[in-house]
N, C-alpha and C. Protein backbone atom coordinates (compact mmCIF):
# COMPACT_ATOMS: atom_id res chain seq x y z
N MET A 1 7.54 -23.87 -23.24
CA MET A 1 8.78 -23.79 -22.48
C MET A 1 8.60 -24.40 -21.08
N LEU A 2 7.45 -24.13 -20.47
CA LEU A 2 7.21 -24.70 -19.14
C LEU A 2 7.13 -26.22 -19.21
N ALA A 3 6.45 -26.72 -20.23
CA ALA A 3 6.28 -28.17 -20.36
C ALA A 3 7.64 -28.87 -20.47
N ARG A 4 8.60 -28.25 -21.15
CA ARG A 4 9.92 -28.85 -21.29
C ARG A 4 10.67 -28.90 -19.96
N ARG A 5 10.41 -27.94 -19.09
CA ARG A 5 11.11 -27.88 -17.80
C ARG A 5 10.40 -28.69 -16.72
N LYS A 6 9.16 -29.05 -16.97
CA LYS A 6 8.34 -29.73 -15.98
C LYS A 6 8.80 -31.17 -15.81
N GLY A 7 9.06 -31.55 -14.57
CA GLY A 7 9.45 -32.92 -14.25
C GLY A 7 8.25 -33.75 -13.85
N LYS A 8 8.45 -35.03 -13.73
CA LYS A 8 7.37 -35.93 -13.33
C LYS A 8 6.88 -35.55 -11.93
N GLY A 9 5.58 -35.41 -11.80
CA GLY A 9 4.99 -35.05 -10.52
C GLY A 9 5.03 -33.57 -10.21
N GLN A 10 5.55 -32.76 -11.11
CA GLN A 10 5.63 -31.31 -10.89
C GLN A 10 4.44 -30.63 -11.56
N SER A 11 3.94 -29.59 -10.91
CA SER A 11 2.91 -28.77 -11.53
C SER A 11 3.58 -27.61 -12.27
N PHE A 12 2.82 -26.95 -13.12
CA PHE A 12 3.37 -25.78 -13.80
C PHE A 12 3.71 -24.69 -12.78
N SER A 13 2.91 -24.60 -11.72
CA SER A 13 3.21 -23.63 -10.66
C SER A 13 4.55 -23.92 -10.01
N ASP A 14 4.86 -25.21 -9.80
CA ASP A 14 6.16 -25.58 -9.23
C ASP A 14 7.31 -25.10 -10.12
N VAL A 15 7.14 -25.30 -11.43
CA VAL A 15 8.18 -24.90 -12.39
C VAL A 15 8.38 -23.38 -12.34
N ILE A 16 7.30 -22.65 -12.31
CA ILE A 16 7.37 -21.18 -12.26
C ILE A 16 8.05 -20.73 -10.97
N LYS A 17 7.67 -21.33 -9.85
CA LYS A 17 8.28 -20.96 -8.57
C LYS A 17 9.77 -21.27 -8.54
N GLU A 18 10.16 -22.39 -9.14
CA GLU A 18 11.59 -22.72 -9.22
C GLU A 18 12.35 -21.67 -10.02
N HIS A 19 11.75 -21.23 -11.10
CA HIS A 19 12.43 -20.26 -11.98
C HIS A 19 12.53 -18.88 -11.35
N PHE A 20 11.42 -18.41 -10.77
CA PHE A 20 11.36 -17.04 -10.26
C PHE A 20 11.65 -16.93 -8.77
N GLY A 21 11.65 -18.02 -8.04
CA GLY A 21 11.89 -17.99 -6.61
C GLY A 21 10.64 -17.59 -5.85
N PRO A 22 10.76 -17.47 -4.54
CA PRO A 22 9.59 -17.12 -3.73
C PRO A 22 9.14 -15.68 -4.00
N PRO A 23 7.85 -15.41 -3.80
CA PRO A 23 7.36 -14.05 -4.02
C PRO A 23 7.94 -13.07 -3.00
N LEU A 24 8.08 -11.83 -3.41
CA LEU A 24 8.58 -10.79 -2.51
C LEU A 24 7.46 -10.29 -1.61
N THR A 25 7.82 -9.92 -0.40
CA THR A 25 6.87 -9.21 0.45
C THR A 25 6.85 -7.75 -0.01
N VAL A 26 5.86 -7.01 0.44
CA VAL A 26 5.79 -5.58 0.11
C VAL A 26 7.05 -4.88 0.60
N GLY A 27 7.50 -5.22 1.80
CA GLY A 27 8.70 -4.60 2.36
C GLY A 27 9.95 -4.88 1.53
N GLU A 28 10.09 -6.13 1.07
CA GLU A 28 11.25 -6.49 0.24
C GLU A 28 11.20 -5.74 -1.10
N PHE A 29 10.01 -5.67 -1.68
CA PHE A 29 9.86 -4.95 -2.94
C PHE A 29 10.24 -3.48 -2.77
N LYS A 30 9.71 -2.86 -1.71
CA LYS A 30 10.01 -1.45 -1.47
C LYS A 30 11.50 -1.22 -1.25
N SER A 31 12.14 -2.12 -0.52
CA SER A 31 13.57 -2.00 -0.28
C SER A 31 14.37 -2.07 -1.58
N ARG A 32 14.01 -3.00 -2.44
CA ARG A 32 14.70 -3.12 -3.73
C ARG A 32 14.49 -1.87 -4.59
N MET A 33 13.26 -1.38 -4.58
CA MET A 33 12.97 -0.20 -5.39
C MET A 33 13.66 1.04 -4.84
N ARG A 34 13.79 1.15 -3.50
CA ARG A 34 14.50 2.29 -2.91
C ARG A 34 15.97 2.28 -3.33
N ARG A 35 16.57 1.08 -3.35
CA ARG A 35 17.98 0.99 -3.78
C ARG A 35 18.11 1.46 -5.23
N ARG A 36 17.15 1.09 -6.06
CA ARG A 36 17.18 1.54 -7.45
C ARG A 36 16.97 3.05 -7.53
N LEU A 37 16.10 3.60 -6.68
CA LEU A 37 15.85 5.04 -6.65
C LEU A 37 17.12 5.79 -6.29
N GLU A 38 17.85 5.27 -5.30
CA GLU A 38 19.11 5.90 -4.88
C GLU A 38 20.11 5.92 -6.03
N ALA A 39 20.01 4.94 -6.91
CA ALA A 39 20.90 4.88 -8.07
C ALA A 39 20.32 5.68 -9.24
N GLY A 40 19.18 6.33 -9.00
CA GLY A 40 18.56 7.16 -10.04
C GLY A 40 17.77 6.38 -11.08
N ARG A 41 17.28 5.20 -10.71
CA ARG A 41 16.61 4.35 -11.69
C ARG A 41 15.26 3.82 -11.25
N ALA A 42 14.58 4.44 -10.31
CA ALA A 42 13.36 3.79 -9.83
C ALA A 42 12.25 4.77 -9.50
N MET A 43 11.27 4.27 -8.76
CA MET A 43 10.05 5.00 -8.42
C MET A 43 10.20 5.75 -7.10
N SER A 44 9.33 6.72 -6.91
CA SER A 44 9.32 7.50 -5.67
C SER A 44 8.70 6.68 -4.53
N ASP A 45 8.92 7.14 -3.29
CA ASP A 45 8.30 6.49 -2.13
C ASP A 45 6.78 6.52 -2.23
N GLU A 46 6.23 7.61 -2.75
CA GLU A 46 4.78 7.72 -2.88
C GLU A 46 4.24 6.64 -3.82
N THR A 47 4.93 6.41 -4.92
CA THR A 47 4.50 5.37 -5.86
C THR A 47 4.62 4.00 -5.21
N LEU A 48 5.72 3.76 -4.50
CA LEU A 48 5.90 2.48 -3.82
C LEU A 48 4.83 2.26 -2.76
N ASP A 49 4.47 3.30 -2.01
CA ASP A 49 3.41 3.19 -1.01
C ASP A 49 2.07 2.85 -1.66
N ALA A 50 1.80 3.46 -2.81
CA ALA A 50 0.55 3.18 -3.53
C ALA A 50 0.52 1.73 -4.00
N ILE A 51 1.63 1.25 -4.52
CA ILE A 51 1.70 -0.16 -4.96
C ILE A 51 1.49 -1.07 -3.76
N GLY A 52 2.12 -0.76 -2.64
CA GLY A 52 1.95 -1.56 -1.43
C GLY A 52 0.51 -1.60 -0.98
N GLY A 53 -0.18 -0.47 -1.08
CA GLY A 53 -1.59 -0.42 -0.71
C GLY A 53 -2.45 -1.32 -1.59
N VAL A 54 -2.17 -1.32 -2.87
CA VAL A 54 -2.92 -2.19 -3.79
C VAL A 54 -2.68 -3.66 -3.45
N ILE A 55 -1.42 -4.00 -3.21
CA ILE A 55 -1.09 -5.39 -2.88
C ILE A 55 -1.78 -5.82 -1.59
N ARG A 56 -1.73 -4.96 -0.57
CA ARG A 56 -2.37 -5.31 0.70
C ARG A 56 -3.88 -5.43 0.54
N SER A 57 -4.48 -4.59 -0.30
CA SER A 57 -5.93 -4.65 -0.48
C SER A 57 -6.38 -5.94 -1.15
N ARG A 58 -5.48 -6.55 -1.91
CA ARG A 58 -5.83 -7.81 -2.57
C ARG A 58 -6.05 -8.93 -1.56
N ALA A 59 -5.43 -8.83 -0.40
CA ALA A 59 -5.62 -9.85 0.63
C ALA A 59 -7.05 -9.86 1.12
N ASP A 60 -7.71 -8.70 1.06
CA ASP A 60 -9.10 -8.60 1.49
C ASP A 60 -10.08 -9.01 0.40
N ASP A 61 -9.60 -9.16 -0.83
CA ASP A 61 -10.47 -9.49 -1.95
C ASP A 61 -9.81 -10.58 -2.81
N PRO A 62 -9.73 -11.80 -2.25
CA PRO A 62 -9.02 -12.85 -2.98
C PRO A 62 -9.71 -13.22 -4.29
N VAL A 63 -8.93 -13.67 -5.22
CA VAL A 63 -9.46 -14.11 -6.51
C VAL A 63 -10.28 -15.37 -6.27
N ARG A 64 -11.40 -15.42 -6.90
CA ARG A 64 -12.24 -16.61 -6.79
C ARG A 64 -12.29 -17.28 -8.14
N TYR A 65 -12.05 -18.56 -8.13
CA TYR A 65 -12.09 -19.33 -9.37
C TYR A 65 -13.47 -19.93 -9.53
N PRO A 66 -13.98 -19.96 -10.75
CA PRO A 66 -15.31 -20.56 -10.95
C PRO A 66 -15.30 -22.04 -10.61
N THR A 67 -16.36 -22.48 -10.01
CA THR A 67 -16.50 -23.90 -9.71
C THR A 67 -17.25 -24.57 -10.84
N ARG A 68 -16.97 -25.82 -11.02
CA ARG A 68 -17.63 -26.56 -12.11
C ARG A 68 -18.81 -27.33 -11.62
């Protein structure tokens, strides 16, 4: 499916970013989840804080790709 949407000079990452848009910040994610919680359909603040902590901790431990 990605290959069909990929244009000349585009990477697969470009296609994915076009489809899904820019990534959310932790604050944006929490805000969206709070709105869902108010509607009775989402996670608690404690769960959102835990998710935020995991996301922030990833900045200190970036993924390393093997070199050839």
